[in-house]
């Protein structure tokens, strides 16, 4: 039996995912956590075979939680399950040490396959993604390379701003103060040599990170 620690900040999403996950006779949700901080304490309690974790959560996001878990438990096997489709998220999570990356639009069959693969210590990427070799090349040799200078939190702020969110919306999404988000925004602008949110949107569109409808928003 594969024992799962399910990490997502929405209780309804967790309830739905639990039902879907446990449709497989060989997989059971052993524990749940509502944010990255809680996932660390829950992991120590239940020692799950696989952590299935969202990226965007308050207090501590999935990427930071994954890094903390792997620093404390190097053998932890983590599958990121998120609504984000863009390849650069997969690049970052795989580089952080996660074994799998799957979008929430994936099929139940694919989710079960991903959990089984990660439980066995194998890498798994969504059908919508690319194989890990191509992802590494995408990160190091393409226009995504400038984003490597951003920290994980700066990267999250960049992505949300690129989708047209205002500072208060970004703050609410990440569970931060508007002042803190403004600090991250300033760092993003400086590191990417950009001047404002419009240029952030344009940069994201030109590098294939968002579609033109999103980039057109101020």
C-alpha atoms as a PDB file:
ATOM      1  CA  UNK A   1       0.000   0.000   0.000  1.00  0.00           C
ATOM      2  CA  UNK A   2       1.394   3.422  -1.014  1.00  0.00           C
ATOM      3  CA  UNK A   3       0.820   5.937   1.787  1.00  0.00           C
ATOM      4  CA  UNK A   4       0.280   9.566   0.743  1.00  0.00           C
ATOM      5  CA  UNK A   5       0.715  12.902   2.496  1.00  0.00           C
ATOM      6  CA  UNK A   6      -1.661  15.251   0.642  1.00  0.00           C
ATOM      7  CA  UNK A   7      -0.765  18.955   0.833  1.00  0.00           C
ATOM      8  CA  UNK A   8      -3.113  21.654  -0.489  1.00  0.00           C
ATOM      9  CA  UNK A   9      -4.481  24.817   1.117  1.00  0.00           C
ATOM     10  CA  UNK A  10      -8.077  24.225  -0.072  1.00  0.00           C
ATOM     11  CA  UNK A  11     -10.062  21.708   1.980  1.00  0.00           C
ATOM     12  CA  UNK A  12     -12.512  21.004  -0.857  1.00  0.00           C
ATOM     13  CA  UNK A  13      -9.637  20.315  -3.247  1.00  0.00           C
ATOM     14  CA  UNK A  14      -8.056  17.948  -0.725  1.00  0.00           C
ATOM     15  CA  UNK A  15     -11.374  16.132  -0.264  1.00  0.00           C
ATOM     16  CA  UNK A  16     -11.771  15.718  -4.021  1.00  0.00           C
ATOM     17  CA  UNK A  17      -8.189  14.590  -4.504  1.00  0.00           C
ATOM     18  CA  UNK A  18      -8.478  12.096  -1.651  1.00  0.00           C
ATOM     19  CA  UNK A  19     -11.487  10.473  -3.331  1.00  0.00           C
ATOM     20  CA  UNK A  20      -9.702  10.334  -6.684  1.00  0.00           C
ATOM     21  CA  UNK A  21      -6.429   9.041  -5.233  1.00  0.00           C
ATOM     22  CA  UNK A  22      -8.125   6.327  -3.199  1.00  0.00           C
ATOM     23  CA  UNK A  23      -9.940   4.978  -6.259  1.00  0.00           C
ATOM     24  CA  UNK A  24      -6.732   2.981  -6.672  1.00  0.00           C
ATOM     25  CA  UNK A  25      -6.722  -0.091  -4.441  1.00  0.00           C
ATOM     26  CA  UNK A  26      -2.996   0.231  -3.736  1.00  0.00           C
ATOM     27  CA  UNK A  27      -2.937   3.912  -2.683  1.00  0.00           C
ATOM     28  CA  UNK A  28      -4.233   5.526   0.510  1.00  0.00           C
ATOM     29  CA  UNK A  29      -4.060   9.087   1.909  1.00  0.00           C
ATOM     30  CA  UNK A  30      -2.401   8.672   5.310  1.00  0.00           C
ATOM     31  CA  UNK A  31      -2.425  12.367   6.278  1.00  0.00           C
ATOM     32  CA  UNK A  32      -3.252  15.857   5.014  1.00  0.00           C
ATOM     33  CA  UNK A  33      -1.678  19.290   5.438  1.00  0.00           C
ATOM     34  CA  UNK A  34      -3.002  22.724   4.474  1.00  0.00           C
ATOM     35  CA  UNK A  35       0.340  24.464   3.859  1.00  0.00           C
ATOM     36  CA  UNK A  36       4.043  23.857   3.499  1.00  0.00           C
ATOM     37  CA  UNK A  37       4.855  24.413   7.169  1.00  0.00           C
ATOM     38  CA  UNK A  38       2.279  21.852   8.253  1.00  0.00           C
ATOM     39  CA  UNK A  39       3.555  19.363   5.673  1.00  0.00           C
ATOM     40  CA  UNK A  40       6.945  19.263   7.406  1.00  0.00           C
ATOM     41  CA  UNK A  41       5.497  18.315  10.801  1.00  0.00           C
ATOM     42  CA  UNK A  42       3.029  15.858   9.241  1.00  0.00           C
ATOM     43  CA  UNK A  43       5.820  14.167   7.303  1.00  0.00           C
ATOM     44  CA  UNK A  44       7.723  13.531  10.525  1.00  0.00           C
ATOM     45  CA  UNK A  45       4.578  12.057  12.067  1.00  0.00           C
ATOM     46  CA  UNK A  46       3.463   9.680   9.312  1.00  0.00           C
ATOM     47  CA  UNK A  47       6.609   9.079   7.202  1.00  0.00           C
ATOM     48  CA  UNK A  48       4.626   8.773   3.934  1.00  0.00           C
ATOM     49  CA  UNK A  49       5.819   6.988   0.811  1.00  0.00           C
ATOM     50  CA  UNK A  50       4.899   9.963  -1.394  1.00  0.00           C
ATOM     51  CA  UNK A  51       4.099  13.633  -0.753  1.00  0.00           C
ATOM     52  CA  UNK A  52       1.527  15.008  -3.221  1.00  0.00           C
ATOM     53  CA  UNK A  53       1.828  18.786  -2.934  1.00  0.00           C
ATOM     54  CA  UNK A  54       0.488  21.960  -4.513  1.00  0.00           C
ATOM     55  CA  UNK A  55       2.813  24.868  -5.337  1.00  0.00           C
ATOM     56  CA  UNK A  56       0.823  27.981  -4.429  1.00  0.00           C
ATOM     57  CA  UNK A  57       0.028  27.975  -0.696  1.00  0.00           C
ATOM     58  CA  UNK A  58       0.151  30.532   2.134  1.00  0.00           C
ATOM     59  CA  UNK A  59       2.808  30.576   4.884  1.00  0.00           C
ATOM     60  CA  UNK A  60       5.145  28.322   2.890  1.00  0.00           C
ATOM     61  CA  UNK A  61       4.707  27.461  -0.783  1.00  0.00           C
ATOM     62  CA  UNK A  62       5.272  24.050  -2.315  1.00  0.00           C
ATOM     63  CA  UNK A  63       8.727  24.734  -3.722  1.00  0.00           C
ATOM     64  CA  UNK A  64      10.093  26.015  -0.426  1.00  0.00           C
ATOM     65  CA  UNK A  65       8.400  23.179   1.482  1.00  0.00           C
ATOM     66  CA  UNK A  66       9.892  20.618  -0.909  1.00  0.00           C
ATOM     67  CA  UNK A  67      13.388  22.005  -0.327  1.00  0.00           C
ATOM     68  CA  UNK A  68      12.896  21.988   3.457  1.00  0.00           C
ATOM     69  CA  UNK A  69      11.539  18.438   3.427  1.00  0.00           C
ATOM     70  CA  UNK A  70      14.405  17.172   1.284  1.00  0.00           C
ATOM     71  CA  UNK A  71      16.980  18.875   3.512  1.00  0.00           C
ATOM     72  CA  UNK A  72      15.470  17.138   6.560  1.00  0.00           C
ATOM     73  CA  UNK A  73      14.529  13.893   4.818  1.00  0.00           C
ATOM     74  CA  UNK A  74      16.762  13.333   1.750  1.00  0.00           C
ATOM     75  CA  UNK A  75      14.821  10.209   0.786  1.00  0.00           C
ATOM     76  CA  UNK A  76      11.462  12.036   0.641  1.00  0.00           C
ATOM     77  CA  UNK A  77       9.627  11.420  -2.618  1.00  0.00           C
ATOM     78  CA  UNK A  78       7.616  14.415  -3.745  1.00  0.00           C
ATOM     79  CA  UNK A  79       5.063  14.773  -6.529  1.00  0.00           C
ATOM     80  CA  UNK A  80       3.993  18.330  -7.340  1.00  0.00           C
ATOM     81  CA  UNK A  81       0.333  18.506  -8.369  1.00  0.00           C
ATOM     82  CA  UNK A  82      -0.578  22.009  -9.524  1.00  0.00           C
ATOM     83  CA  UNK A  83      -2.766  24.078 -11.799  1.00  0.00           C
ATOM     84  CA  UNK A  84       0.289  25.641 -13.448  1.00  0.00           C
ATOM     85  CA  UNK A  85       0.961  24.244 -16.927  1.00  0.00           C
ATOM     86  CA  UNK A  86       4.119  26.181 -17.787  1.00  0.00           C
ATOM     87  CA  UNK A  87       7.329  24.202 -18.207  1.00  0.00           C
ATOM     88  CA  UNK A  88       9.402  26.608 -16.101  1.00  0.00           C
ATOM     89  CA  UNK A  89       7.529  25.506 -12.978  1.00  0.00           C
ATOM     90  CA  UNK A  90       8.432  21.898 -13.764  1.00  0.00           C
ATOM     91  CA  UNK A  91      12.067  22.897 -14.253  1.00  0.00           C
ATOM     92  CA  UNK A  92      12.242  24.562 -10.863  1.00  0.00           C
ATOM     93  CA  UNK A  93      10.509  21.788  -8.950  1.00  0.00           C
ATOM     94  CA  UNK A  94      12.646  19.085 -10.564  1.00  0.00           C
ATOM     95  CA  UNK A  95      15.823  21.042  -9.831  1.00  0.00           C
ATOM     96  CA  UNK A  96      14.661  21.356  -6.223  1.00  0.00           C
ATOM     97  CA  UNK A  97      14.681  17.563  -6.007  1.00  0.00           C
ATOM     98  CA  UNK A  98      11.040  16.649  -6.600  1.00  0.00           C
ATOM     99  CA  UNK A  99      10.512  13.467  -8.597  1.00  0.00           C
ATOM    100  CA  UNK A 100       7.212  14.304 -10.286  1.00  0.00           C
ATOM    101  CA  UNK A 101       5.268  17.199 -11.760  1.00  0.00           C
ATOM    102  CA  UNK A 102       1.622  16.877 -12.762  1.00  0.00           C
ATOM    103  CA  UNK A 103      -1.111  19.391 -13.556  1.00  0.00           C
ATOM    104  CA  UNK A 104      -4.556  19.205 -11.970  1.00  0.00           C
ATOM    105  CA  UNK A 105      -6.062  18.828 -15.432  1.00  0.00           C
ATOM    106  CA  UNK A 106      -4.466  15.400 -15.761  1.00  0.00           C
ATOM    107  CA  UNK A 107      -6.521  12.206 -15.788  1.00  0.00           C
ATOM    108  CA  UNK A 108      -7.099   9.974 -12.759  1.00  0.00           C
ATOM    109  CA  UNK A 109      -5.119   7.237 -14.501  1.00  0.00           C
ATOM    110  CA  UNK A 110      -2.150   9.552 -14.979  1.00  0.00           C
ATOM    111  CA  UNK A 111      -2.275  10.665 -11.337  1.00  0.00           C
ATOM    112  CA  UNK A 112      -2.174   7.059 -10.164  1.00  0.00           C
ATOM    113  CA  UNK A 113       0.690   6.315 -12.569  1.00  0.00           C
ATOM    114  CA  UNK A 114       2.601   9.345 -11.279  1.00  0.00           C
ATOM    115  CA  UNK A 115       2.163   8.324  -7.641  1.00  0.00           C
ATOM    116  CA  UNK A 116       3.337   4.765  -8.362  1.00  0.00           C
ATOM    117  CA  UNK A 117       6.354   6.003 -10.326  1.00  0.00           C
ATOM    118  CA  UNK A 118       7.419   8.478  -7.625  1.00  0.00           C
ATOM    119  CA  UNK A 119       6.886   5.828  -4.914  1.00  0.00           C
ATOM    120  CA  UNK A 120       9.422   3.692  -6.798  1.00  0.00           C
ATOM    121  CA  UNK A 121      11.895   6.573  -6.968  1.00  0.00           C
ATOM    122  CA  UNK A 122      11.322   7.264 -10.673  1.00  0.00           C
ATOM    123  CA  UNK A 123      10.801  10.686 -12.262  1.00  0.00           C
ATOM    124  CA  UNK A 124       7.389  11.450 -13.740  1.00  0.00           C
ATOM    125  CA  UNK A 125       6.241  14.399 -15.832  1.00  0.00           C
ATOM    126  CA  UNK A 126       2.785  15.186 -17.146  1.00  0.00           C
ATOM    127  CA  UNK A 127       1.973  14.315 -20.747  1.00  0.00           C
ATOM    128  CA  UNK A 128       1.556  18.080 -21.238  1.00  0.00           C
ATOM    129  CA  UNK A 129       5.191  18.618 -20.240  1.00  0.00           C
ATOM    130  CA  UNK A 130       8.457  17.551 -21.809  1.00  0.00           C
ATOM    131  CA  UNK A 131      10.970  14.963 -20.717  1.00  0.00           C
ATOM    132  CA  UNK A 132      13.432  16.051 -18.061  1.00  0.00           C
ATOM    133  CA  UNK A 133      16.356  16.379 -20.463  1.00  0.00           C
ATOM    134  CA  UNK A 134      14.459  18.827 -22.664  1.00  0.00           C
ATOM    135  CA  UNK A 135      13.321  20.728 -19.598  1.00  0.00           C
ATOM    136  CA  UNK A 136      16.898  21.183 -18.437  1.00  0.00           C
ATOM    137  CA  UNK A 137      17.871  22.412 -21.902  1.00  0.00           C
ATOM    138  CA  UNK A 138      14.880  24.746 -21.910  1.00  0.00           C
ATOM    139  CA  UNK A 139      16.012  26.220 -18.614  1.00  0.00           C
ATOM    140  CA  UNK A 140      19.696  26.659 -19.424  1.00  0.00           C
ATOM    141  CA  UNK A 141      19.776  27.497 -23.134  1.00  0.00           C
ATOM    142  CA  UNK A 142      16.583  29.373 -23.904  1.00  0.00           C
ATOM    143  CA  UNK A 143      14.998  32.657 -22.940  1.00  0.00           C
ATOM    144  CA  UNK A 144      14.032  31.191 -19.564  1.00  0.00           C
ATOM    145  CA  UNK A 145      17.657  31.474 -18.426  1.00  0.00           C
ATOM    146  CA  UNK A 146      17.257  35.073 -17.110  1.00  0.00           C
ATOM    147  CA  UNK A 147      14.690  33.767 -14.614  1.00  0.00           C
ATOM    148  CA  UNK A 148      17.377  31.632 -12.988  1.00  0.00           C
ATOM    149  CA  UNK A 149      18.557  34.747 -11.131  1.00  0.00           C
ATOM    150  CA  UNK A 150      15.234  34.998  -9.276  1.00  0.00           C
ATOM    151  CA  UNK A 151      14.654  33.338  -5.929  1.00  0.00           C
ATOM    152  CA  UNK A 152      11.649  31.025  -5.667  1.00  0.00           C
ATOM    153  CA  UNK A 153       9.531  33.720  -4.008  1.00  0.00           C
ATOM    154  CA  UNK A 154      10.616  36.366  -6.528  1.00  0.00           C
ATOM    155  CA  UNK A 155       9.779  33.910  -9.284  1.00  0.00           C
ATOM    156  CA  UNK A 156       6.274  33.383  -7.871  1.00  0.00           C
ATOM    157  CA  UNK A 157       5.665  37.126  -7.626  1.00  0.00           C
ATOM    158  CA  UNK A 158       6.920  37.558 -11.194  1.00  0.00           C
ATOM    159  CA  UNK A 159       4.530  34.885 -12.511  1.00  0.00           C
ATOM    160  CA  UNK A 160       1.494  36.330 -10.730  1.00  0.00           C
ATOM    161  CA  UNK A 161       2.293  39.867 -11.880  1.00  0.00           C
ATOM    162  CA  UNK A 162       2.787  38.541 -15.411  1.00  0.00           C
ATOM    163  CA  UNK A 163      -0.762  37.167 -15.273  1.00  0.00           C
ATOM    164  CA  UNK A 164      -2.026  40.675 -14.557  1.00  0.00           C
ATOM    165  CA  UNK A 165      -2.583  40.427 -10.814  1.00  0.00           C
ATOM    166  CA  UNK A 166      -2.345  43.624  -8.788  1.00  0.00           C
ATOM    167  CA  UNK A 167      -0.050  43.814  -5.743  1.00  0.00           C
ATOM    168  CA  UNK A 168      -2.934  43.232  -3.323  1.00  0.00           C
ATOM    169  CA  UNK A 169      -4.060  40.182  -5.311  1.00  0.00           C
ATOM    170  CA  UNK A 170      -0.529  38.766  -5.300  1.00  0.00           C
ATOM    171  CA  UNK A 171      -0.289  39.404  -1.553  1.00  0.00           C
ATOM    172  CA  UNK A 172      -3.578  37.581  -0.935  1.00  0.00           C
ATOM    173  CA  UNK A 173      -2.544  34.658  -3.144  1.00  0.00           C
ATOM    174  CA  UNK A 174       0.804  34.193  -1.390  1.00  0.00           C
ATOM    175  CA  UNK A 175      -0.336  35.101   2.124  1.00  0.00           C
ATOM    176  CA  UNK A 176       2.066  38.051   2.310  1.00  0.00           C
ATOM    177  CA  UNK A 177       1.683  41.752   3.034  1.00  0.00           C
ATOM    178  CA  UNK A 178       1.405  44.176   0.113  1.00  0.00           C
ATOM    179  CA  UNK A 179       4.599  45.869   1.337  1.00  0.00           C
ATOM    180  CA  UNK A 180       6.511  42.579   1.197  1.00  0.00           C
ATOM    181  CA  UNK A 181       5.214  41.870  -2.299  1.00  0.00           C
ATOM    182  CA  UNK A 182       6.296  45.355  -3.392  1.00  0.00           C
ATOM    183  CA  UNK A 183       9.808  44.561  -2.127  1.00  0.00           C
ATOM    184  CA  UNK A 184       9.884  41.351  -4.172  1.00  0.00           C
ATOM    185  CA  UNK A 185       8.521  43.220  -7.192  1.00  0.00           C
ATOM    186  CA  UNK A 186      11.318  45.790  -6.905  1.00  0.00           C
ATOM    187  CA  UNK A 187      13.914  43.014  -6.833  1.00  0.00           C
ATOM    188  CA  UNK A 188      12.345  41.343  -9.880  1.00  0.00           C
ATOM    189  CA  UNK A 189      12.417  44.598 -11.835  1.00  0.00           C
ATOM    190  CA  UNK A 190      16.049  45.210 -10.918  1.00  0.00           C
ATOM    191  CA  UNK A 191      17.240  41.684 -11.702  1.00  0.00           C
ATOM    192  CA  UNK A 192      15.436  41.525 -15.052  1.00  0.00           C
ATOM    193  CA  UNK A 193      16.219  45.163 -15.981  1.00  0.00           C
ATOM    194  CA  UNK A 194      12.523  45.986 -16.321  1.00  0.00           C
ATOM    195  CA  UNK A 195      10.695  49.177 -15.367  1.00  0.00           C
ATOM    196  CA  UNK A 196       7.092  48.311 -14.553  1.00  0.00           C
ATOM    197  CA  UNK A 197       4.325  45.686 -14.585  1.00  0.00           C
ATOM    198  CA  UNK A 198       3.611  46.244 -18.255  1.00  0.00           C
ATOM    199  CA  UNK A 199       7.198  45.270 -19.091  1.00  0.00           C
ATOM    200  CA  UNK A 200       6.887  42.239 -16.809  1.00  0.00           C
ATOM    201  CA  UNK A 201       3.840  41.106 -18.808  1.00  0.00           C
ATOM    202  CA  UNK A 202       5.604  41.789 -22.105  1.00  0.00           C
ATOM    203  CA  UNK A 203       8.738  39.917 -20.971  1.00  0.00           C
ATOM    204  CA  UNK A 204       6.623  36.925 -19.932  1.00  0.00           C
ATOM    205  CA  UNK A 205       4.755  36.881 -23.239  1.00  0.00           C
ATOM    206  CA  UNK A 206       7.878  37.240 -25.368  1.00  0.00           C
ATOM    207  CA  UNK A 207       9.435  34.285 -23.553  1.00  0.00           C
ATOM    208  CA  UNK A 208       6.339  32.113 -23.912  1.00  0.00           C
ATOM    209  CA  UNK A 209       5.431  32.167 -20.215  1.00  0.00           C
ATOM    210  CA  UNK A 210       1.880  33.501 -20.654  1.00  0.00           C
ATOM    211  CA  UNK A 211      -0.498  33.834 -23.579  1.00  0.00           C
ATOM    212  CA  UNK A 212      -1.188  37.147 -25.344  1.00  0.00           C
ATOM    213  CA  UNK A 213      -4.522  37.692 -23.586  1.00  0.00           C
ATOM    214  CA  UNK A 214      -2.822  37.652 -20.199  1.00  0.00           C
ATOM    215  CA  UNK A 215       0.117  39.738 -21.368  1.00  0.00           C
ATOM    216  CA  UNK A 216      -2.206  42.404 -22.728  1.00  0.00           C
ATOM    217  CA  UNK A 217      -3.498  43.210 -19.239  1.00  0.00           C
ATOM    218  CA  UNK A 218      -1.869  46.164 -17.470  1.00  0.00           C
END
